[in-house]
Protein backbone atom coordinates (compact mmCIF):
# COMPACT_ATOMS: atom_id res chain seq x y z
CA MET A 1 100.83 28.97 84.96
CA GLU A 2 99.93 25.41 85.72
CA THR A 3 100.29 24.32 89.28
CA LEU A 4 102.71 21.54 90.15
CA GLN A 5 99.75 19.26 90.93
CA VAL A 6 98.25 19.73 87.47
CA MET A 7 101.61 19.15 85.80
CA TYR A 8 102.10 16.04 87.89
CA LYS A 9 98.69 14.64 86.81
CA LYS A 10 99.45 15.30 83.13
CA THR A 11 102.83 13.62 83.42
CA ARG A 12 101.23 10.56 85.03
CA MET A 13 98.59 10.36 82.27
CA LYS A 14 101.25 10.53 79.56
CA LEU A 15 103.25 7.84 81.36
CA LYS A 16 100.17 5.60 81.54
CA GLU A 17 99.48 6.13 77.84
CA HIS A 18 103.09 5.25 77.06
CA LEU A 19 102.88 2.09 79.17
CA VAL A 20 99.59 1.05 77.51
CA ILE A 21 101.07 1.52 74.03
CA LYS A 22 104.21 -0.36 75.03
CA ALA A 23 102.17 -3.24 76.48
CA PHE A 24 100.05 -3.38 73.31
CA LEU A 25 103.15 -3.53 71.10
CA ILE A 26 104.65 -6.31 73.23
CA ILE A 27 101.45 -8.36 73.00
CA LEU A 28 101.30 -7.79 69.24
CA VAL A 29 104.90 -8.94 68.81
CA LEU A 30 104.21 -12.06 70.92
CA ILE A 31 101.14 -12.92 68.81
CA ILE A 32 103.10 -12.51 65.57
CA CYS A 33 106.01 -14.60 66.91
CA SER A 34 103.60 -17.31 68.08
CA ALA A 35 101.91 -17.41 64.66
CA CYS A 36 105.28 -17.63 62.90
CA HIS A 37 106.42 -20.39 65.24
CA LYS A 38 103.21 -22.35 64.63
CA LYS A 39 103.59 -21.93 60.86
CA THR A 40 107.18 -23.21 61.08
CA ASP A 41 106.08 -26.21 63.16
CA ASP A 42 103.25 -27.01 60.71
CA SER A 43 105.62 -26.72 57.75
CA SER A 44 108.13 -29.02 59.47
CA GLN A 45 105.38 -31.61 60.04
CA ASP A 46 104.23 -31.33 56.42
CA ILE A 47 107.76 -31.96 55.14
CA ALA A 48 108.26 -34.91 57.49
CA LEU A 49 105.01 -36.46 56.23
CA LEU A 50 105.93 -35.77 52.61
CA ASN A 51 109.21 -37.66 52.93
CA THR A 52 107.53 -40.52 54.79
CA ILE A 53 104.98 -40.88 51.99
CA LEU A 54 107.64 -40.72 49.27
CA ASP A 55 109.71 -43.31 51.12
CA ASN A 56 106.68 -45.62 51.42
CA SER A 57 105.82 -45.10 47.74
CA LYS A 58 109.32 -45.94 46.61
CA GLY A 59 109.59 -48.93 48.95
CA THR A 60 112.24 -51.42 47.92
CA ASN A 61 111.98 -50.44 44.26
CA THR A 62 115.38 -49.29 43.04
CA ASP A 63 113.90 -47.43 40.06
CA SER A 64 113.74 -43.66 40.13
CA LEU A 65 110.51 -41.92 41.11
CA TYR A 66 109.60 -38.45 39.89
CA PHE A 67 107.86 -36.00 42.14
CA SER A 68 105.16 -33.53 41.07
CA SER A 69 105.40 -30.37 43.17
CA ASP A 70 101.64 -29.67 43.05
CA ASN A 71 100.25 -30.22 46.56
CA SER A 72 96.58 -29.34 46.15
CA ASN A 73 94.46 -31.23 48.68
CA SER A 74 90.84 -30.30 47.89
CA TYR A 75 90.18 -33.87 46.71
CA ILE A 76 90.46 -35.03 50.34
CA LEU A 77 87.55 -32.77 51.23
CA ASN A 78 85.50 -34.19 48.33
CA ILE A 79 86.10 -37.76 49.54
CA TYR A 80 85.25 -36.71 53.10
CA LYS A 81 81.92 -35.26 51.91
CA ASP A 82 81.21 -38.47 49.93
CA PHE A 83 81.83 -40.38 53.15
CA LEU A 84 79.35 -38.22 55.10
CA GLU A 85 76.74 -38.66 52.36
CA LEU A 86 77.21 -42.41 52.44
CA LYS A 87 76.99 -42.31 56.24
CA ASN A 88 73.55 -40.70 55.91
CA ASP A 89 72.57 -43.74 53.83
CA SER A 90 73.76 -46.09 56.58
CA PHE A 91 76.80 -46.95 54.42
CA ILE A 92 74.65 -48.77 51.87
CA ASN A 93 76.42 -48.34 48.55
CA VAL A 94 74.15 -50.09 46.08
CA PRO A 95 75.14 -49.36 42.44
CA SER A 96 72.72 -47.59 40.11
CA SER A 97 72.53 -50.68 37.86
CA VAL A 98 73.59 -54.34 37.81
CA MET A 99 73.89 -57.11 35.22
CA LEU A 100 71.21 -59.75 35.81
CA GLN A 101 70.28 -62.95 34.03
CA ASP A 102 66.72 -63.40 32.79
CA GLU A 103 65.29 -66.60 34.29
CA LYS A 104 63.50 -67.55 31.07
CA THR A 105 65.86 -66.49 28.30
CA LYS A 106 69.05 -66.85 30.39
CA GLU A 107 70.29 -63.68 28.72
CA MET A 108 72.22 -61.06 30.68
CA SER A 109 70.99 -57.47 30.72
CA LEU A 110 71.70 -54.26 32.57
CA VAL A 111 68.96 -53.51 35.09
CA GLY A 112 68.57 -50.09 36.76
CA ILE A 113 68.17 -49.84 40.52
CA LYS A 114 66.29 -47.14 42.38
CA LYS A 115 66.59 -46.53 46.08
CA GLY A 116 63.71 -48.21 47.91
CA ASP A 117 62.55 -50.57 45.14
CA SER A 118 62.42 -54.34 45.63
CA LEU A 119 65.77 -54.98 43.91
CA TYR A 120 67.44 -52.29 46.04
CA ASN A 121 66.07 -53.84 49.24
CA GLU A 122 67.20 -57.26 48.05
CA LEU A 123 70.76 -56.10 47.36
CA LYS A 124 71.37 -53.52 50.08
CA GLU A 125 72.66 -56.02 52.65
CA ARG A 126 75.23 -57.27 50.14
CA PHE A 127 76.38 -53.71 49.42
CA THR A 128 76.48 -52.42 53.00
CA LEU A 129 80.01 -51.32 53.78
CA LYS A 130 81.78 -52.30 56.97
CA ILE A 131 83.43 -49.13 58.25
CA ASP A 132 86.52 -49.07 60.44
CA PRO A 133 85.73 -47.27 63.77
CA LEU A 134 88.92 -45.25 63.29
CA LEU A 135 87.55 -43.87 60.03
CA LEU A 136 84.26 -42.97 61.71
CA SER A 137 86.17 -41.06 64.34
CA ILE A 138 88.41 -39.14 61.93
CA PHE A 139 85.79 -38.46 59.24
CA SER A 140 83.21 -37.13 61.70
CA GLU A 141 80.86 -34.22 60.99
CA LYS A 142 82.57 -32.05 63.63
CA GLU A 143 85.75 -31.93 61.50
CA LEU A 144 84.10 -30.18 58.54
CA ASN A 145 85.15 -26.60 59.37
CA ASN A 146 88.61 -27.77 60.43
CA PHE A 147 89.18 -29.65 57.17
CA GLN A 148 87.84 -26.80 55.05
CA SER A 149 90.25 -24.33 56.70
CA GLN A 150 93.25 -26.39 55.55
CA ILE A 151 92.41 -26.66 51.84
CA VAL A 152 95.08 -25.36 49.46
CA GLU A 153 94.86 -24.84 45.70
CA ASN A 154 97.54 -23.85 43.20
CA ASP A 155 100.25 -24.37 45.79
CA ALA A 156 103.47 -26.36 45.52
CA TRP A 157 106.06 -28.27 47.51
CA ASN A 158 109.65 -27.08 47.55
CA PHE A 159 111.70 -29.84 45.93
CA GLU A 160 114.66 -28.90 48.12
CA ASP A 161 112.73 -30.32 51.11
CA VAL A 162 112.74 -33.84 49.60
CA SER A 163 115.30 -35.97 51.44
CA VAL A 164 114.42 -39.43 50.05
CA GLN A 165 117.06 -40.89 47.74
CA GLY A 166 116.04 -41.68 44.16
CA ILE A 167 113.35 -38.98 43.95
CA PHE A 168 113.76 -36.52 41.08
CA GLU A 169 111.96 -33.62 39.45
CA PRO A 170 110.09 -34.64 36.27
CA ASN A 171 110.63 -33.14 32.85
CA SER A 172 108.84 -33.31 29.51
CA LEU A 173 110.35 -36.73 28.75
CA THR A 174 109.43 -38.34 32.07
CA LYS A 175 107.00 -41.27 31.81
CA LYS A 176 103.70 -40.43 33.50
CA ARG A 177 103.57 -43.73 35.37
CA LYS A 178 106.68 -42.69 37.30
CA ILE A 179 105.36 -39.29 38.41
CA ILE A 180 103.83 -39.18 41.89
CA HIS A 181 101.55 -36.48 43.26
CA VAL A 182 101.37 -35.98 47.05
CA SER A 183 98.88 -33.57 48.60
CA LYS A 184 99.53 -31.24 51.49
CA PRO A 185 98.29 -33.04 54.65
CA ILE A 186 95.05 -32.19 56.40
CA TYR A 187 95.19 -32.64 60.18
CA THR A 188 92.42 -33.62 62.59
CA SER A 189 91.48 -31.10 65.27
CA ASP A 190 93.53 -32.89 67.93
CA LYS A 191 96.55 -32.98 65.55
CA ASN A 192 97.00 -36.71 66.19
CA TYR A 193 96.14 -37.78 62.63
CA ALA A 194 97.06 -36.49 59.19
CA ILE A 195 95.12 -37.27 56.00
CA THR A 196 96.94 -37.25 52.67
CA TYR A 197 96.10 -38.00 49.05
CA SER A 198 98.57 -39.46 46.58
CA PHE A 199 98.58 -41.00 43.13
CA LYS A 200 100.86 -41.76 40.22
CA LYS A 201 99.96 -39.87 37.06
CA SER A 202 99.31 -42.87 34.86
CA ILE A 203 96.21 -43.32 32.75
CA HIS A 204 94.89 -46.18 34.88
CA GLY A 205 96.54 -45.06 38.12
CA VAL A 206 94.83 -45.76 41.44
CA ALA A 207 94.57 -42.90 43.92
CA PHE A 208 94.63 -43.39 47.67
CA ILE A 209 93.67 -41.50 50.78
CA GLU A 210 96.15 -42.40 53.52
CA ILE A 211 95.83 -41.73 57.23
CA TYR A 212 98.96 -41.26 59.32
CA LYS A 213 99.27 -41.11 63.09
CA GLY A 214 102.02 -39.27 64.90
CA SER A 215 103.39 -35.85 65.69
CA GLY A 216 106.32 -33.64 64.76
CA LYS A 217 108.65 -35.55 62.46
CA ASN A 218 107.47 -39.06 63.38
CA TRP A 219 104.51 -40.43 61.44
CA SER A 220 103.33 -43.93 60.61
CA ARG A 221 100.59 -45.03 58.21
CA VAL A 222 97.57 -46.59 59.94
CA LYS A 223 94.94 -46.71 57.18
CA THR A 224 94.76 -46.70 53.37
CA ILE A 225 91.50 -45.99 51.52
CA ARG A 226 90.83 -46.23 47.81
CA THR A 227 89.23 -43.02 46.61
CA THR A 228 86.55 -45.07 44.83
CA ASP A 229 85.30 -46.70 48.06
CA PHE A 230 82.78 -43.95 48.88
CA GLN A 231 81.69 -42.91 45.38
C-alpha cells in the first residue's frame, strides 16, 4: 500500500496539472475573445469609412447612386508599388514618347524617349513630380508587409451596413455610370490613416485613391490621388 506521503505527492501533482490546464484554457479563451473584439472593431471602422465615402461620393446630388458590393482592394497595393518604383527614379515620370515638331519641316511626329538619352535629360525636370510629404510618409517602404496582409479578393460588403440615403443595390438595368465601387480600406501600421480605392463603373470613369485620417467611426478625407499619377 502506498504511504500517505506518496499519496499526498500524487494528489499535489494532479492538482498542479489541473491548474496548468485550467490556466492554459483561460489564456486561450482570452486570446480568442481579444481576436474577436479586434475583428469587430476593424469591421466597425470599415463600415464607418464606407458610409463616409458613399456620402462624399453622393455629395449634394439628389440622384440615386448604386453600390457594387465587391470590395477587393488589391489595386491599392499595385498603386503603392508603382509609387515605390517611381520613388526609386527620384519621381521623374518622363513618358516613353512625345510629339515634337521638326525644326525644318515643321511637321509633328512621335519621338521615343529612352532613360538617360539627351531628350530624357532635357525633359526630366519638366516631368519631375512634386510629392506631398504626407504621401511619402504613408507610402513608405516599411508599410509593404502591413499593406500586403490586408489585401482581400473576391470579398463583398454587406448592403445592410449602408446607412447613406439614396444608395441602392444595382440590377441588370442600372446604368453603369451610376454604379460605384468602394474597396475595403487598408490601414497604416499606426492605424491613423486609411487608404481606399473607389470608382464609378463607366467606360471613361476616373478611379481615385483616397486617404482618410481618423479612428473608430470618425474619418475625414485628407488626400485624393488619381490612379494614373504614378503609372
